[in-house]
Amino acid sequence: MFPEYIVLHTAAFTGRNCDRDMIDAWHKARRWSGIGYHFVILNDKHDQKPDGAVEIGRLTNKSGAHALGLNSCSLGICCVGHGDKVDFTPAQYKSLYNLITDLMSEFSISVDNVIGHRELNTLAEKNIIPSRYKTSKSCPGTKINMHAIRDKLAQTPTLIKHERTSVDENSKIAMNNAIAILQKHRAQFPNAQDELDEFINHPEVISMTRA
């Protein structure tokens, strides 16, 4: 999957200790393969994890399950809390802007394609997605101003990528050979395959092996 959109969500949960694992359990209870979001940003109601912590859900090279009609070309970010009842925390916003800015830069996504879940309706009205994918949800919540979020992102430089480590051609070949060996023998470590995929598709690894 190569994402064209970033879709923002709320967990619509007012309780404590909501995180990636809790949402993963919710989605598995629906008989999904696992958490449908690519990222989860925690709020200030967790007893063990800090406000604004970013947790990884699905890998970014895998289609999500968070926005029907757009799953195959979008990344889903879920902010813990209930956006209809209270705005995101300042720490959540800080992490959100940093994360979205990085994703926009990495995948060349325009600020106009950073949307809230409810804005799928706008895409349907523009015939970008079929009308059957319209939603009645207010997600990411009535307290969340998507126009203000996009305005903030538009003021943030997004074209400056992380500084790349200089790698000579021999080192690049050696790295690619090592990855090829790991891929060839991946069946020997079935419990680490997700971690291997996450490593191989990490922006720093891609910049060192494919540049």
N, C-alpha and C. Protein backbone atom coordinates (compact mmCIF):
# COMPACT_ATOMS: atom_id res chain seq x y z
N MET A 1 0.83 -1.20 0.00
CA MET A 1 0.00 0.00 0.00
C MET A 1 0.87 1.25 0.00
N PHE A 2 0.51 2.21 -0.86
CA PHE A 2 1.17 3.52 -0.82
C PHE A 2 0.09 4.56 -0.50
N PRO A 3 0.10 5.09 0.72
CA PRO A 3 -1.01 5.95 1.18
C PRO A 3 -1.07 7.31 0.48
N GLU A 4 -2.29 7.74 0.25
CA GLU A 4 -2.55 9.06 -0.33
C GLU A 4 -3.24 9.97 0.66
N TYR A 5 -3.84 9.40 1.70
CA TYR A 5 -4.58 10.16 2.70
C TYR A 5 -4.12 9.78 4.10
N ILE A 6 -4.33 10.70 5.02
CA ILE A 6 -4.19 10.45 6.45
C ILE A 6 -5.54 10.74 7.08
N VAL A 7 -6.10 9.77 7.78
CA VAL A 7 -7.44 9.90 8.36
C VAL A 7 -7.33 9.91 9.88
N LEU A 8 -7.88 10.94 10.49
CA LEU A 8 -7.82 11.11 11.94
C LEU A 8 -9.10 10.58 12.59
N HIS A 9 -8.92 9.87 13.71
CA HIS A 9 -10.04 9.26 14.44
C HIS A 9 -9.93 9.58 15.93
N THR A 10 -11.04 9.34 16.64
CA THR A 10 -11.04 9.32 18.09
C THR A 10 -11.45 7.92 18.54
N ALA A 11 -10.97 7.51 19.71
CA ALA A 11 -11.34 6.19 20.24
C ALA A 11 -12.77 6.17 20.76
N ALA A 12 -13.37 7.35 20.96
CA ALA A 12 -14.74 7.46 21.49
C ALA A 12 -14.87 6.68 22.80
N PHE A 13 -13.89 6.88 23.68
CA PHE A 13 -13.83 6.15 24.94
C PHE A 13 -13.40 7.12 26.04
N THR A 14 -14.18 7.18 27.12
CA THR A 14 -13.90 8.14 28.19
C THR A 14 -13.20 7.50 29.39
N GLY A 15 -13.00 6.18 29.35
CA GLY A 15 -12.38 5.50 30.47
C GLY A 15 -10.87 5.67 30.52
N ARG A 16 -10.26 4.97 31.46
CA ARG A 16 -8.82 5.06 31.67
C ARG A 16 -8.07 3.93 30.96
N ASN A 17 -6.79 4.18 30.77
CA ASN A 17 -5.84 3.15 30.30
C ASN A 17 -6.14 2.60 28.91
N CYS A 18 -6.75 3.42 28.08
CA CYS A 18 -6.96 3.01 26.69
C CYS A 18 -5.65 3.20 25.94
N ASP A 19 -5.26 2.18 25.20
CA ASP A 19 -4.04 2.24 24.43
C ASP A 19 -4.13 1.31 23.23
N ARG A 20 -3.04 1.09 22.58
CA ARG A 20 -3.00 0.25 21.39
C ARG A 20 -3.51 -1.15 21.68
N ASP A 21 -3.11 -1.72 22.81
CA ASP A 21 -3.50 -3.09 23.13
C ASP A 21 -5.01 -3.21 23.40
N MET A 22 -5.57 -2.22 24.05
CA MET A 22 -7.01 -2.25 24.32
C MET A 22 -7.80 -2.16 23.01
N ILE A 23 -7.38 -1.26 22.13
CA ILE A 23 -8.07 -1.12 20.84
C ILE A 23 -7.89 -2.38 20.00
N ASP A 24 -6.70 -2.97 20.06
CA ASP A 24 -6.44 -4.23 19.36
C ASP A 24 -7.43 -5.30 19.83
N ALA A 25 -7.67 -5.37 21.13
CA ALA A 25 -8.62 -6.35 21.67
C ALA A 25 -10.04 -6.06 21.19
N TRP A 26 -10.41 -4.78 21.15
CA TRP A 26 -11.74 -4.42 20.63
C TRP A 26 -11.91 -4.91 19.20
N HIS A 27 -10.92 -4.66 18.38
CA HIS A 27 -11.03 -5.00 16.96
C HIS A 27 -10.98 -6.51 16.74
N LYS A 28 -10.20 -7.21 17.52
CA LYS A 28 -10.18 -8.66 17.42
C LYS A 28 -11.52 -9.26 17.85
N ALA A 29 -12.19 -8.60 18.80
CA ALA A 29 -13.51 -9.06 19.22
C ALA A 29 -14.52 -8.95 18.09
N ARG A 30 -14.24 -8.08 17.12
CA ARG A 30 -15.09 -7.97 15.92
C ARG A 30 -14.67 -8.97 14.85
N ARG A 31 -13.71 -9.82 15.21
CA ARG A 31 -13.16 -10.84 14.31
C ARG A 31 -12.32 -10.24 13.20
N TRP A 32 -11.75 -9.07 13.48
CA TRP A 32 -10.76 -8.51 12.59
C TRP A 32 -9.42 -9.18 12.89
N SER A 33 -8.45 -9.02 12.02
CA SER A 33 -7.14 -9.62 12.24
C SER A 33 -6.38 -8.92 13.36
N GLY A 34 -6.78 -7.73 13.69
CA GLY A 34 -6.11 -6.95 14.74
C GLY A 34 -6.47 -5.49 14.60
N ILE A 35 -5.77 -4.64 15.31
CA ILE A 35 -6.07 -3.22 15.32
C ILE A 35 -6.11 -2.67 13.90
N GLY A 36 -7.12 -1.83 13.65
CA GLY A 36 -7.30 -1.30 12.30
C GLY A 36 -6.55 -0.01 12.03
N TYR A 37 -6.08 0.67 13.09
CA TYR A 37 -5.35 1.93 12.94
C TYR A 37 -3.86 1.66 12.78
N HIS A 38 -3.19 2.58 12.14
CA HIS A 38 -1.74 2.46 12.00
C HIS A 38 -1.00 3.07 13.19
N PHE A 39 -1.63 4.05 13.82
CA PHE A 39 -1.01 4.70 14.99
C PHE A 39 -2.09 5.04 16.02
N VAL A 40 -1.68 5.02 17.28
CA VAL A 40 -2.55 5.42 18.40
C VAL A 40 -1.78 6.43 19.24
N ILE A 41 -2.44 7.54 19.57
CA ILE A 41 -1.82 8.57 20.41
C ILE A 41 -2.58 8.63 21.74
N LEU A 42 -1.89 8.36 22.83
CA LEU A 42 -2.51 8.27 24.15
C LEU A 42 -2.82 9.64 24.73
N ASN A 43 -3.77 9.64 25.67
CA ASN A 43 -4.12 10.88 26.37
C ASN A 43 -3.59 10.83 27.81
N ASP A 44 -4.12 11.70 28.66
CA ASP A 44 -3.61 11.83 30.02
C ASP A 44 -4.36 10.94 31.02
N LYS A 45 -5.04 9.92 30.52
CA LYS A 45 -5.80 9.04 31.41
C LYS A 45 -5.21 7.63 31.47
N HIS A 46 -3.93 7.53 31.25
CA HIS A 46 -3.28 6.23 31.35
C HIS A 46 -2.40 6.21 32.59
N ASP A 47 -2.50 5.14 33.36
CA ASP A 47 -1.78 5.07 34.63
C ASP A 47 -0.30 4.75 34.48
N GLN A 48 0.10 4.22 33.33
CA GLN A 48 1.48 3.78 33.18
C GLN A 48 2.21 4.41 31.99
N LYS A 49 1.48 5.00 31.06
CA LYS A 49 2.09 5.54 29.86
C LYS A 49 1.82 7.04 29.78
N PRO A 50 2.76 7.80 29.21
CA PRO A 50 2.64 9.27 29.22
C PRO A 50 1.62 9.81 28.22
N ASP A 51 1.07 10.92 28.59
CA ASP A 51 0.19 11.69 27.71
C ASP A 51 0.95 12.04 26.42
N GLY A 52 0.34 11.75 25.27
CA GLY A 52 0.97 12.06 23.99
C GLY A 52 1.84 10.95 23.43
N ALA A 53 1.96 9.83 24.16
CA ALA A 53 2.77 8.72 23.65
C ALA A 53 2.16 8.19 22.35
N VAL A 54 3.01 7.90 21.38
CA VAL A 54 2.57 7.37 20.09
C VAL A 54 2.88 5.88 20.05
N GLU A 55 1.85 5.06 19.77
CA GLU A 55 2.03 3.62 19.68
C GLU A 55 1.72 3.16 18.26
N ILE A 56 2.46 2.19 17.78
CA ILE A 56 2.29 1.68 16.43
C ILE A 56 1.23 0.59 16.41
N GLY A 57 0.31 0.70 15.45
CA GLY A 57 -0.71 -0.33 15.25
C GLY A 57 -0.29 -1.19 14.07
N ARG A 58 -1.01 -1.05 12.97
CA ARG A 58 -0.62 -1.78 11.75
C ARG A 58 0.59 -1.12 11.11
N LEU A 59 1.37 -1.91 10.40
CA LEU A 59 2.49 -1.35 9.67
C LEU A 59 1.97 -0.47 8.54
N THR A 60 2.73 0.54 8.19
CA THR A 60 2.26 1.49 7.18
C THR A 60 2.21 0.90 5.77
N ASN A 61 2.82 -0.26 5.57
CA ASN A 61 2.73 -0.89 4.25
C ASN A 61 1.55 -1.84 4.15
N LYS A 62 0.71 -1.87 5.20
CA LYS A 62 -0.47 -2.73 5.20
C LYS A 62 -1.74 -1.88 5.25
N SER A 63 -2.75 -2.28 4.48
CA SER A 63 -4.02 -1.55 4.49
C SER A 63 -4.64 -1.60 5.89
N GLY A 64 -5.22 -0.50 6.28
CA GLY A 64 -5.87 -0.43 7.58
C GLY A 64 -7.31 -0.90 7.52
N ALA A 65 -7.98 -0.78 8.66
CA ALA A 65 -9.41 -1.07 8.76
C ALA A 65 -9.99 0.02 9.64
N HIS A 66 -10.14 1.21 9.08
CA HIS A 66 -10.54 2.36 9.88
C HIS A 66 -11.44 3.33 9.13
N ALA A 67 -11.48 3.24 7.80
CA ALA A 67 -12.27 4.19 7.01
C ALA A 67 -12.74 3.50 5.74
N LEU A 68 -13.92 2.89 5.79
CA LEU A 68 -14.43 2.16 4.63
C LEU A 68 -14.47 3.07 3.41
N GLY A 69 -13.95 2.56 2.32
CA GLY A 69 -13.89 3.33 1.09
C GLY A 69 -12.53 3.95 0.85
N LEU A 70 -11.71 4.00 1.92
CA LEU A 70 -10.41 4.64 1.81
C LEU A 70 -9.29 3.80 2.43
N ASN A 71 -9.65 2.63 2.93
CA ASN A 71 -8.66 1.82 3.66
C ASN A 71 -7.43 1.47 2.83
N SER A 72 -7.63 1.25 1.54
CA SER A 72 -6.53 0.78 0.70
C SER A 72 -5.53 1.87 0.35
N CYS A 73 -5.84 3.12 0.68
CA CYS A 73 -4.93 4.20 0.31
C CYS A 73 -4.82 5.26 1.39
N SER A 74 -4.96 4.85 2.65
CA SER A 74 -4.90 5.83 3.74
C SER A 74 -4.25 5.24 4.98
N LEU A 75 -3.69 6.14 5.79
CA LEU A 75 -3.15 5.78 7.09
C LEU A 75 -4.13 6.28 8.15
N GLY A 76 -4.41 5.45 9.13
CA GLY A 76 -5.35 5.81 10.19
C GLY A 76 -4.63 6.13 11.49
N ILE A 77 -4.95 7.29 12.06
CA ILE A 77 -4.40 7.70 13.35
C ILE A 77 -5.56 7.85 14.33
N CYS A 78 -5.49 7.17 15.45
CA CYS A 78 -6.54 7.26 16.47
C CYS A 78 -6.01 7.97 17.70
N CYS A 79 -6.65 9.06 18.08
CA CYS A 79 -6.33 9.73 19.32
C CYS A 79 -7.26 9.22 20.42
N VAL A 80 -6.67 8.70 21.48
CA VAL A 80 -7.45 8.17 22.60
C VAL A 80 -8.25 9.30 23.23
N GLY A 81 -9.45 8.97 23.69
CA GLY A 81 -10.36 9.95 24.26
C GLY A 81 -11.67 9.93 23.51
N HIS A 82 -12.49 10.94 23.73
CA HIS A 82 -13.79 11.02 23.05
C HIS A 82 -13.94 12.42 22.50
N GLY A 83 -13.72 12.56 21.21
CA GLY A 83 -13.71 13.87 20.57
C GLY A 83 -15.04 14.59 20.54
N ASP A 84 -16.13 13.90 20.88
CA ASP A 84 -17.42 14.57 20.99
C ASP A 84 -17.59 15.22 22.36
N LYS A 85 -16.75 14.82 23.32
CA LYS A 85 -16.92 15.28 24.70
C LYS A 85 -15.81 16.23 25.15
N VAL A 86 -14.60 15.99 24.66
CA VAL A 86 -13.47 16.84 25.08
C VAL A 86 -12.43 16.87 23.96
N ASP A 87 -11.76 18.00 23.82
CA ASP A 87 -10.72 18.15 22.81
C ASP A 87 -9.52 17.27 23.18
N PHE A 88 -8.65 17.02 22.21
CA PHE A 88 -7.42 16.31 22.49
C PHE A 88 -6.56 17.13 23.45
N THR A 89 -5.69 16.47 24.19
CA THR A 89 -4.80 17.17 25.11
C THR A 89 -3.70 17.89 24.33
N PRO A 90 -3.10 18.92 24.93
CA PRO A 90 -1.98 19.59 24.26
C PRO A 90 -0.86 18.62 23.87
N ALA A 91 -0.59 17.63 24.72
CA ALA A 91 0.46 16.65 24.40
C ALA A 91 0.05 15.79 23.22
N GLN A 92 -1.23 15.46 23.15
CA GLN A 92 -1.71 14.70 21.99
C GLN A 92 -1.54 15.52 20.71
N TYR A 93 -1.90 16.79 20.77
CA TYR A 93 -1.76 17.63 19.58
C TYR A 93 -0.30 17.74 19.15
N LYS A 94 0.59 17.90 20.10
CA LYS A 94 2.01 18.01 19.76
C LYS A 94 2.48 16.76 19.04
N SER A 95 2.13 15.59 19.59
CA SER A 95 2.52 14.33 18.95
C SER A 95 1.83 14.16 17.61
N LEU A 96 0.56 14.57 17.55
CA LEU A 96 -0.20 14.44 16.31
C LEU A 96 0.43 15.24 15.19
N TYR A 97 0.77 16.50 15.47
CA TYR A 97 1.38 17.34 14.44
C TYR A 97 2.74 16.79 14.00
N ASN A 98 3.53 16.33 14.95
CA ASN A 98 4.83 15.76 14.60
C ASN A 98 4.67 14.50 13.74
N LEU A 99 3.74 13.64 14.14
CA LEU A 99 3.52 12.40 13.41
C LEU A 99 3.01 12.67 12.00
N ILE A 100 1.99 13.51 11.90
CA ILE A 100 1.42 13.79 10.57
C ILE A 100 2.44 14.47 9.68
N THR A 101 3.21 15.39 10.24
CA THR A 101 4.24 16.07 9.44
C THR A 101 5.24 15.06 8.89
N ASP A 102 5.66 14.11 9.73
CA ASP A 102 6.59 13.07 9.26
C ASP A 102 5.96 12.22 8.16
N LEU A 103 4.70 11.84 8.36
CA LEU A 103 4.03 10.99 7.37
C LEU A 103 3.79 11.73 6.06
N MET A 104 3.42 13.00 6.15
CA MET A 104 3.24 13.80 4.94
C MET A 104 4.54 13.86 4.15
N SER A 105 5.65 14.04 4.85
CA SER A 105 6.94 14.12 4.18
C SER A 105 7.35 12.78 3.60
N GLU A 106 7.18 11.71 4.40
CA GLU A 106 7.62 10.39 3.95
C GLU A 106 6.85 9.90 2.74
N PHE A 107 5.53 10.17 2.71
CA PHE A 107 4.69 9.62 1.65
C PHE A 107 4.20 10.68 0.66
N SER A 108 4.70 11.90 0.77
CA SER A 108 4.32 12.99 -0.14
C SER A 108 2.80 13.20 -0.16
N ILE A 109 2.22 13.29 1.02
CA ILE A 109 0.78 13.51 1.17
C ILE A 109 0.53 14.99 1.38
N SER A 110 -0.39 15.55 0.63
CA SER A 110 -0.68 16.98 0.75
C SER A 110 -1.54 17.24 1.98
N VAL A 111 -1.48 18.47 2.47
CA VAL A 111 -2.24 18.83 3.66
C VAL A 111 -3.75 18.70 3.40
N ASP A 112 -4.17 18.89 2.16
CA ASP A 112 -5.59 18.76 1.84
C ASP A 112 -6.08 17.33 2.01
N ASN A 113 -5.16 16.38 1.99
CA ASN A 113 -5.53 14.97 2.12
C ASN A 113 -5.37 14.47 3.56
N VAL A 114 -5.24 15.39 4.49
CA VAL A 114 -5.31 15.06 5.91
C VAL A 114 -6.74 15.36 6.35
N ILE A 115 -7.51 14.33 6.64
CA ILE A 115 -8.94 14.51 6.88
C ILE A 115 -9.38 13.81 8.17
N GLY A 116 -10.51 14.24 8.68
CA GLY A 116 -11.17 13.53 9.76
C GLY A 116 -12.07 12.45 9.17
N HIS A 117 -12.36 11.43 9.94
CA HIS A 117 -13.18 10.33 9.46
C HIS A 117 -14.50 10.84 8.87
N ARG A 118 -15.10 11.82 9.53
CA ARG A 118 -16.40 12.33 9.06
C ARG A 118 -16.30 12.97 7.67
N GLU A 119 -15.09 13.38 7.29
CA GLU A 119 -14.91 14.06 6.01
C GLU A 119 -14.87 13.10 4.82
N LEU A 120 -15.04 11.81 5.08
CA LEU A 120 -15.28 10.89 3.97
C LEU A 120 -16.52 11.32 3.20
N ASN A 121 -17.45 11.96 3.90
CA ASN A 121 -18.67 12.44 3.24
C ASN A 121 -18.34 13.48 2.18
N THR A 122 -17.36 14.32 2.46
CA THR A 122 -16.94 15.32 1.48
C THR A 122 -16.34 14.64 0.25
N LEU A 123 -15.56 13.58 0.48
CA LEU A 123 -14.98 12.85 -0.65
C LEU A 123 -16.08 12.18 -1.47
N ALA A 124 -17.11 11.69 -0.80
CA ALA A 124 -18.22 11.06 -1.51
C ALA A 124 -18.97 12.10 -2.34
N GLU A 125 -19.15 13.29 -1.78
CA GLU A 125 -19.85 14.35 -2.51
C GLU A 125 -19.07 14.80 -3.74
N LYS A 126 -17.75 14.63 -3.69
CA LYS A 126 -16.90 14.99 -4.82
C LYS A 126 -16.67 13.81 -5.76
N ASN A 127 -17.35 12.71 -5.49
CA ASN A 127 -17.24 11.48 -6.29
C ASN A 127 -15.83 10.89 -6.28
N ILE A 128 -15.08 11.17 -5.22
CA ILE A 128 -13.76 10.56 -5.07
C ILE A 128 -13.90 9.14 -4.56
N ILE A 129 -14.89 8.91 -3.71
CA ILE A 129 -15.24 7.57 -3.26
C ILE A 129 -16.74 7.39 -3.49
N PRO A 130 -17.22 6.15 -3.63
CA PRO A 130 -18.66 5.92 -3.84
C PRO A 130 -19.50 6.43 -2.65
N SER A 131 -20.70 6.86 -2.94
CA SER A 131 -21.58 7.44 -1.91
C SER A 131 -21.95 6.44 -0.82
N ARG A 132 -21.83 5.14 -1.12
CA ARG A 132 -22.18 4.15 -0.10
C ARG A 132 -21.21 4.18 1.09
N TYR A 133 -20.10 4.87 0.93
CA TYR A 133 -19.13 4.94 2.01
C TYR A 133 -19.30 6.17 2.89
N LYS A 134 -20.39 6.90 2.68
CA LYS A 134 -20.68 8.01 3.59
C LYS A 134 -20.87 7.48 5.00
N THR A 135 -20.56 8.32 5.98
CA THR A 135 -20.67 7.90 7.37
C THR A 135 -21.56 8.87 8.15
N SER A 136 -22.23 8.34 9.16
CA SER A 136 -23.04 9.18 10.05
C SER A 136 -22.24 9.59 11.29
N LYS A 137 -21.00 9.15 11.37
CA LYS A 137 -20.17 9.44 12.54
C LYS A 137 -19.65 10.88 12.51
N SER A 138 -19.46 11.43 13.70
CA SER A 138 -18.86 12.76 13.83
C SER A 138 -17.34 12.67 14.01
N CYS A 139 -16.82 11.47 14.03
CA CYS A 139 -15.40 11.17 14.25
C CYS A 139 -14.49 12.04 13.37
N PRO A 140 -13.45 12.64 13.91
CA PRO A 140 -12.87 12.43 15.23
C PRO A 140 -13.53 13.19 16.37
N GLY A 141 -14.69 13.78 16.13
CA GLY A 141 -15.45 14.40 17.21
C GLY A 141 -15.80 15.85 16.93
N THR A 142 -16.89 16.28 17.53
CA THR A 142 -17.37 17.65 17.34
C THR A 142 -16.44 18.68 17.98
N LYS A 143 -15.61 18.26 18.91
CA LYS A 143 -14.67 19.18 19.55
C LYS A 143 -13.39 19.37 18.73
N ILE A 144 -13.26 18.57 17.66
CA ILE A 144 -12.03 18.57 16.88
C ILE A 144 -12.23 19.38 15.60
N ASN A 145 -11.44 20.42 15.44
CA ASN A 145 -11.55 21.33 14.29
C ASN A 145 -10.53 20.91 13.23
N MET A 146 -10.98 20.19 12.22
CA MET A 146 -10.07 19.71 11.19
C MET A 146 -9.49 20.85 10.36
N HIS A 147 -10.26 21.92 10.17
CA HIS A 147 -9.74 23.06 9.40
C HIS A 147 -8.56 23.70 10.14
N ALA A 148 -8.69 23.82 11.47
CA ALA A 148 -7.59 24.38 12.26
C ALA A 148 -6.37 23.47 12.22
N ILE A 149 -6.59 22.17 12.23
CA ILE A 149 -5.49 21.22 12.17
C ILE A 149 -4.75 21.36 10.83
N ARG A 150 -5.50 21.44 9.76
CA ARG A 150 -4.86 21.60 8.45
C ARG A 150 -4.14 22.94 8.33
N ASP A 151 -4.73 24.00 8.90
CA ASP A 151 -4.08 25.30 8.87
C ASP A 151 -2.73 25.25 9.60
N LYS A 152 -2.72 24.57 10.76
CA LYS A 152 -1.49 24.43 11.52
C LYS A 152 -0.46 23.64 10.73
N LEU A 153 -0.89 22.56 10.10
CA LEU A 153 0.03 21.74 9.32
C LEU A 153 0.58 22.51 8.11
N ALA A 154 -0.26 23.36 7.53
CA ALA A 154 0.17 24.13 6.36
C ALA A 154 1.28 25.12 6.71
N GLN A 155 1.38 25.48 7.99
CA GLN A 155 2.40 26.41 8.43
C GLN A 155 3.68 25.70 8.85
N THR A 156 3.66 24.37 8.80
CA THR A 156 4.80 23.56 9.24
C THR A 156 5.54 23.02 8.04
N PRO A 157 6.84 23.21 7.95
CA PRO A 157 7.59 22.65 6.81
C PRO A 157 7.46 21.13 6.80
N THR A 158 7.11 20.57 5.65
CA THR A 158 6.94 19.12 5.55
C THR A 158 7.85 18.49 4.51
N LEU A 159 8.62 19.31 3.83
CA LEU A 159 9.44 18.77 2.75
C LEU A 159 10.86 18.44 3.20
N ILE A 160 11.19 18.82 4.44
CA ILE A 160 12.52 18.54 4.95
C ILE A 160 12.49 17.17 5.61
N LYS A 161 13.06 16.20 4.97
CA LYS A 161 13.07 14.85 5.50
C LYS A 161 14.18 14.72 6.54
N HIS A 162 14.08 13.63 7.34
CA HIS A 162 15.14 13.36 8.30
C HIS A 162 16.47 13.23 7.57
N GLU A 163 17.52 13.74 8.19
CA GLU A 163 18.84 13.67 7.56
C GLU A 163 19.23 12.22 7.33
N ARG A 164 19.64 11.91 6.14
CA ARG A 164 19.99 10.55 5.78
C ARG A 164 21.46 10.26 6.07
N THR A 165 21.70 9.08 6.51
CA THR A 165 23.07 8.65 6.74
C THR A 165 23.70 8.32 5.40
N SER A 166 24.89 8.82 5.19
CA SER A 166 25.58 8.54 3.94
C SER A 166 26.07 7.09 3.95
N VAL A 167 25.71 6.36 2.92
CA VAL A 167 26.07 4.95 2.83
C VAL A 167 26.76 4.71 1.49
N ASP A 168 27.97 4.13 1.53
CA ASP A 168 28.65 3.86 0.27
C ASP A 168 28.00 2.67 -0.42
N GLU A 169 28.34 2.49 -1.69
CA GLU A 169 27.66 1.48 -2.51
C GLU A 169 27.90 0.07 -1.97
N ASN A 170 29.11 -0.22 -1.50
CA ASN A 170 29.39 -1.55 -0.97
C ASN A 170 28.56 -1.85 0.28
N SER A 171 28.43 -0.86 1.13
CA SER A 171 27.63 -1.05 2.34
C SER A 171 26.16 -1.25 1.99
N LYS A 172 25.71 -0.52 0.97
CA LYS A 172 24.32 -0.66 0.54
C LYS A 172 24.07 -2.08 0.02
N ILE A 173 25.01 -2.59 -0.77
CA ILE A 173 24.87 -3.95 -1.30
C ILE A 173 24.87 -4.97 -0.16
N ALA A 174 25.78 -4.77 0.81
CA ALA A 174 25.84 -5.69 1.95
C ALA A 174 24.54 -5.67 2.76
N MET A 175 23.98 -4.48 2.95
CA MET A 175 22.72 -4.36 3.69
C MET A 175 21.59 -5.07 2.95
N ASN A 176 21.50 -4.87 1.67
CA ASN A 176 20.46 -5.53 0.88
C ASN A 176 20.63 -7.04 0.88
N ASN A 177 21.87 -7.51 0.84
CA ASN A 177 22.11 -8.94 0.90
C ASN A 177 21.67 -9.52 2.25
N ALA A 178 21.97 -8.78 3.31
CA ALA A 178 21.58 -9.24 4.65
C ALA A 178 20.06 -9.32 4.77
N ILE A 179 19.37 -8.31 4.24
CA ILE A 179 17.91 -8.33 4.29
C ILE A 179 17.36 -9.48 3.47
N ALA A 180 17.99 -9.73 2.31
CA ALA A 180 17.54 -10.84 1.46
C ALA A 180 17.68 -12.18 2.18
N ILE A 181 18.76 -12.34 2.95
CA ILE A 181 18.95 -13.58 3.70
C ILE A 181 17.88 -13.72 4.78
N LEU A 182 17.59 -12.63 5.48
CA LEU A 182 16.55 -12.66 6.51
C LEU A 182 15.19 -13.00 5.90
N GLN A 183 14.90 -12.41 4.75
CA GLN A 183 13.64 -12.69 4.07
C GLN A 183 13.56 -14.15 3.65
N LYS A 184 14.67 -14.68 3.15
CA LYS A 184 14.68 -16.06 2.68
C LYS A 184 14.40 -17.04 3.82
N HIS A 185 14.88 -16.71 5.02
CA HIS A 185 14.76 -17.62 6.14
C HIS A 185 13.73 -17.16 7.17
N ARG A 186 12.81 -16.28 6.77
CA ARG A 186 11.87 -15.71 7.72
C ARG A 186 10.97 -16.76 8.37
N ALA A 187 10.76 -17.87 7.68
CA ALA A 187 9.91 -18.93 8.25
C ALA A 187 10.50 -19.54 9.51
N GLN A 188 11.80 -19.33 9.72
CA GLN A 188 12.46 -19.91 10.88
C GLN A 188 12.21 -19.11 12.16
N PHE A 189 11.66 -17.90 12.02
CA PHE A 189 11.35 -17.09 13.21
C PHE A 189 9.94 -16.51 13.05
N PRO A 190 8.91 -17.37 13.13
CA PRO A 190 7.54 -16.93 12.87
C PRO A 190 7.03 -15.85 13.81
N ASN A 191 7.56 -15.79 15.02
CA ASN A 191 7.07 -14.82 15.99
C ASN A 191 7.72 -13.44 15.84
N ALA A 192 8.64 -13.32 14.89
CA ALA A 192 9.32 -12.04 14.71
C ALA A 192 9.10 -11.45 13.32
N GLN A 193 8.15 -12.00 12.57
CA GLN A 193 7.98 -11.55 11.19
C GLN A 193 7.44 -10.13 11.11
N ASP A 194 6.53 -9.77 12.01
CA ASP A 194 6.01 -8.39 11.99
C ASP A 194 7.14 -7.40 12.29
N GLU A 195 7.99 -7.77 13.24
CA GLU A 195 9.12 -6.90 13.59
C GLU A 195 10.09 -6.77 12.42
N LEU A 196 10.30 -7.88 11.70
CA LEU A 196 11.17 -7.84 10.52
C LEU A 196 10.60 -6.90 9.46
N ASP A 197 9.30 -7.03 9.20
CA ASP A 197 8.67 -6.16 8.21
C ASP A 197 8.75 -4.70 8.63
N GLU A 198 8.55 -4.45 9.93
CA GLU A 198 8.63 -3.08 10.43
C GLU A 198 10.03 -2.51 10.23
N PHE A 199 11.06 -3.34 10.48
CA PHE A 199 12.44 -2.91 10.28
C PHE A 199 12.72 -2.63 8.81
N ILE A 200 12.37 -3.57 7.96
CA ILE A 200 12.67 -3.43 6.53
C ILE A 200 11.99 -2.20 5.94
N ASN A 201 10.79 -1.87 6.44
CA ASN A 201 10.03 -0.75 5.89
C ASN A 201 10.20 0.53 6.68
N HIS A 202 11.15 0.54 7.62
CA HIS A 202 11.41 1.78 8.36
C HIS A 202 12.05 2.79 7.42
N PRO A 203 11.66 4.07 7.52
CA PRO A 203 12.20 5.09 6.60
C PRO A 203 13.73 5.14 6.56
N GLU A 204 14.40 4.95 7.72
CA GLU A 204 15.86 5.02 7.73
C GLU A 204 16.45 3.84 6.95
N VAL A 205 15.86 2.66 7.09
CA VAL A 205 16.37 1.49 6.38
C VAL A 205 16.13 1.65 4.88
N ILE A 206 14.96 2.14 4.53
CA ILE A 206 14.66 2.37 3.11
C ILE A 206 15.64 3.37 2.51
N SER A 207 15.95 4.42 3.26
CA SER A 207 16.86 5.44 2.73
C SER A 207 18.27 4.89 2.54
N MET A 208 18.65 3.91 3.35
CA MET A 208 20.00 3.33 3.26
C MET A 208 20.10 2.25 2.20
N THR A 209 18.98 1.60 1.88
CA THR A 209 19.05 0.45 0.99
C THR A 209 18.50 0.72 -0.41
N ARG A 210 17.69 1.75 -0.56
CA ARG A 210 17.03 1.95 -1.84
C ARG A 210 17.35 3.28 -2.49
N ALA A 211 18.07 4.10 -1.77
CA ALA A 211 18.37 5.44 -2.33
C ALA A 211 19.33 5.34 -3.51
